[in-house]
Amino acid sequence: MTVLAQTTMLGVRATKCVASKAHSPTPLRFVWHHVQPHEAGGPTTPANLIELCDSCHYSIHRLLWEMAQNLPLEKPPRAAQLAFARKGYDACAAAGTVDKIPNEG
């Protein structure tokens, strides 16, 4: 997915991070994140999209992939990041697409 496609989804630009209210320094960019990854069958619909900063986006993808690989988490993640990763993993598990979770972390 291109940067433009990540920053604007369904004609709306991402403008905040729902995983963290405190960023220092202020994030350079906000993106739309598929809770259930698009590559693993996640639709591009409002119900499957959340706004994130680049840092949280990367962290959630890393956590999701670690869950798919059944790896121990290397360091304690932020609660909100872990919750979004679990939600994505659970959606993939329900759809039978855990093996399609991409290694983007």
C-alpha atoms as a PDB file:
ATOM      1  CA  MET A   1       0.000   0.000   0.000  1.00  0.00           C
ATOM      2  CA  THR A   2       1.379   3.399  -0.884  1.00  0.00           C
ATOM      3  CA  VAL A   3       1.844   6.256   1.552  1.00  0.00           C
ATOM      4  CA  LEU A   4      -0.964   8.216  -0.087  1.00  0.00           C
ATOM      5  CA  ALA A   5      -3.335   5.275   0.262  1.00  0.00           C
ATOM      6  CA  GLN A   6      -2.402   4.917   3.929  1.00  0.00           C
ATOM      7  CA  THR A   7      -2.864   8.588   4.786  1.00  0.00           C
ATOM      8  CA  THR A   8      -6.168   8.955   2.912  1.00  0.00           C
ATOM      9  CA  MET A   9      -8.733   6.192   3.036  1.00  0.00           C
ATOM     10  CA  LEU A  10     -12.228   6.394   1.636  1.00  0.00           C
ATOM     11  CA  GLY A  11     -11.508  10.046   0.825  1.00  0.00           C
ATOM     12  CA  VAL A  12     -10.719  10.971   4.438  1.00  0.00           C
ATOM     13  CA  ARG A  13      -7.266  11.912   5.710  1.00  0.00           C
ATOM     14  CA  ALA A  14      -5.977  10.332   8.959  1.00  0.00           C
ATOM     15  CA  THR A  15      -5.383  13.105  11.527  1.00  0.00           C
ATOM     16  CA  LYS A  16      -4.843  11.434  14.918  1.00  0.00           C
ATOM     17  CA  CYS A  17      -3.663   8.324  16.731  1.00  0.00           C
ATOM     18  CA  VAL A  18      -6.256   6.287  18.607  1.00  0.00           C
ATOM     19  CA  ALA A  19      -3.581   4.129  20.274  1.00  0.00           C
ATOM     20  CA  SER A  20      -1.740   6.917  22.076  1.00  0.00           C
ATOM     21  CA  LYS A  21      -2.735  10.383  23.185  1.00  0.00           C
ATOM     22  CA  ALA A  22       0.778  11.462  24.171  1.00  0.00           C
ATOM     23  CA  HIS A  23       3.457  11.704  21.524  1.00  0.00           C
ATOM     24  CA  SER A  24       6.773  13.424  21.909  1.00  0.00           C
ATOM     25  CA  PRO A  25       7.751  14.709  19.465  1.00  0.00           C
ATOM     26  CA  THR A  26       4.538  15.185  17.508  1.00  0.00           C
ATOM     27  CA  PRO A  27       4.206  12.447  14.875  1.00  0.00           C
ATOM     28  CA  LEU A  28       5.218  13.356  11.356  1.00  0.00           C
ATOM     29  CA  ARG A  29       2.373  11.422   9.798  1.00  0.00           C
ATOM     30  CA  PHE A  30      -0.863   9.672  10.621  1.00  0.00           C
ATOM     31  CA  VAL A  31      -2.090   6.671   8.635  1.00  0.00           C
ATOM     32  CA  TRP A  32      -5.128   4.428   8.327  1.00  0.00           C
ATOM     33  CA  HIS A  33      -4.541   0.914   9.651  1.00  0.00           C
ATOM     34  CA  HIS A  34      -6.561  -2.191   8.742  1.00  0.00           C
ATOM     35  CA  VAL A  35      -7.310  -3.891  12.085  1.00  0.00           C
ATOM     36  CA  GLN A  36      -7.575  -7.205  10.232  1.00  0.00           C
ATOM     37  CA  PRO A  37      -4.767  -6.819   7.685  1.00  0.00           C
ATOM     38  CA  HIS A  38      -5.912  -6.324   4.111  1.00  0.00           C
ATOM     39  CA  GLU A  39      -3.531  -9.124   3.013  1.00  0.00           C
ATOM     40  CA  ALA A  40      -5.309 -11.452   5.456  1.00  0.00           C
ATOM     41  CA  GLY A  41      -8.795 -10.694   4.160  1.00  0.00           C
ATOM     42  CA  GLY A  42      -9.493  -7.482   6.055  1.00  0.00           C
ATOM     43  CA  PRO A  43     -11.896  -5.189   4.226  1.00  0.00           C
ATOM     44  CA  THR A  44     -11.305  -1.495   3.586  1.00  0.00           C
ATOM     45  CA  THR A  45     -14.389  -0.403   5.496  1.00  0.00           C
ATOM     46  CA  PRO A  46     -14.808   2.063   8.351  1.00  0.00           C
ATOM     47  CA  ALA A  47     -15.412  -0.797  10.797  1.00  0.00           C
ATOM     48  CA  ASN A  48     -11.976  -2.279  10.007  1.00  0.00           C
ATOM     49  CA  LEU A  49      -9.970   0.969   9.928  1.00  0.00           C
ATOM     50  CA  ILE A  50      -8.353   2.996  12.703  1.00  0.00           C
ATOM     51  CA  GLU A  51      -6.160   6.097  12.640  1.00  0.00           C
ATOM     52  CA  LEU A  52      -2.613   5.686  13.953  1.00  0.00           C
ATOM     53  CA  CYS A  53       0.684   7.533  14.008  1.00  0.00           C
ATOM     54  CA  ASP A  54       3.547   5.842  12.147  1.00  0.00           C
ATOM     55  CA  SER A  55       5.145   4.632  15.379  1.00  0.00           C
ATOM     56  CA  CYS A  56       2.030   2.920  16.742  1.00  0.00           C
ATOM     57  CA  HIS A  57       1.270   1.539  13.270  1.00  0.00           C
ATOM     58  CA  TYR A  58       4.674  -0.137  13.115  1.00  0.00           C
ATOM     59  CA  SER A  59       4.351  -1.464  16.686  1.00  0.00           C
ATOM     60  CA  ILE A  60       0.905  -2.963  16.082  1.00  0.00           C
ATOM     61  CA  HIS A  61       2.084  -4.716  12.910  1.00  0.00           C
ATOM     62  CA  ARG A  62       5.089  -6.104  14.792  1.00  0.00           C
ATOM     63  CA  LEU A  63       2.858  -7.398  17.599  1.00  0.00           C
ATOM     64  CA  LEU A  64       0.379  -8.916  15.163  1.00  0.00           C
ATOM     65  CA  TRP A  65       3.114 -10.779  13.307  1.00  0.00           C
ATOM     66  CA  GLU A  66       4.678 -12.004  16.578  1.00  0.00           C
ATOM     67  CA  MET A  67       1.263 -13.356  17.604  1.00  0.00           C
ATOM     68  CA  ALA A  68       0.867 -15.092  14.232  1.00  0.00           C
ATOM     69  CA  GLN A  69       4.301 -16.715  14.675  1.00  0.00           C
ATOM     70  CA  ASN A  70       3.448 -17.687  18.267  1.00  0.00           C
ATOM     71  CA  LEU A  71       6.527 -15.793  19.484  1.00  0.00           C
ATOM     72  CA  PRO A  72       6.932 -14.345  22.971  1.00  0.00           C
ATOM     73  CA  LEU A  73       6.575 -10.569  22.989  1.00  0.00           C
ATOM     74  CA  GLU A  74      10.052  -9.051  23.234  1.00  0.00           C
ATOM     75  CA  LYS A  75       9.090  -6.116  25.432  1.00  0.00           C
ATOM     76  CA  PRO A  76       5.870  -5.116  27.155  1.00  0.00           C
ATOM     77  CA  PRO A  77       3.767  -3.254  24.592  1.00  0.00           C
ATOM     78  CA  ARG A  78       1.436  -0.371  25.287  1.00  0.00           C
ATOM     79  CA  ALA A  79      -1.980  -1.671  26.321  1.00  0.00           C
ATOM     80  CA  ALA A  80      -3.815   0.028  23.434  1.00  0.00           C
ATOM     81  CA  GLN A  81      -1.345  -1.286  20.852  1.00  0.00           C
ATOM     82  CA  LEU A  82      -1.673  -4.812  22.221  1.00  0.00           C
ATOM     83  CA  ALA A  83      -5.479  -4.545  22.252  1.00  0.00           C
ATOM     84  CA  PHE A  84      -5.573  -3.525  18.569  1.00  0.00           C
ATOM     85  CA  ALA A  85      -3.122  -6.299  17.638  1.00  0.00           C
ATOM     86  CA  ARG A  86      -5.242  -8.871  19.509  1.00  0.00           C
ATOM     87  CA  LYS A  87      -8.387  -7.620  17.773  1.00  0.00           C
ATOM     88  CA  GLY A  88      -6.680  -8.032  14.386  1.00  0.00           C
ATOM     89  CA  TYR A  89      -5.349 -11.468  15.278  1.00  0.00           C
ATOM     90  CA  ASP A  90      -8.774 -12.617  16.504  1.00  0.00           C
ATOM     91  CA  ALA A  91     -10.376 -11.418  13.244  1.00  0.00           C
ATOM     92  CA  CYS A  92      -7.778 -13.356  11.251  1.00  0.00           C
ATOM     93  CA  ALA A  93      -8.275 -16.449  13.402  1.00  0.00           C
ATOM     94  CA  ALA A  94     -12.048 -16.281  12.853  1.00  0.00           C
ATOM     95  CA  ALA A  95     -11.513 -15.916   9.086  1.00  0.00           C
ATOM     96  CA  GLY A  96      -8.868 -18.666   8.974  1.00  0.00           C
ATOM     97  CA  THR A  97      -6.250 -16.258   7.601  1.00  0.00           C
ATOM     98  CA  VAL A  98      -3.633 -16.129  10.380  1.00  0.00           C
ATOM     99  CA  ASP A  99      -1.099 -17.598   7.952  1.00  0.00           C
ATOM    100  CA  LYS A 100      -1.590 -14.552   5.699  1.00  0.00           C
ATOM    101  CA  ILE A 101      -0.632 -11.976   8.343  1.00  0.00           C
ATOM    102  CA  PRO A 102       2.296 -10.110   6.728  1.00  0.00           C
ATOM    103  CA  ASN A 103       5.671  -9.523   8.368  1.00  0.00           C
ATOM    104  CA  GLU A 104       5.614  -5.725   8.319  1.00  0.00           C
ATOM    105  CA  GLY A 105       7.073  -5.137  11.759  1.00  0.00           C
END
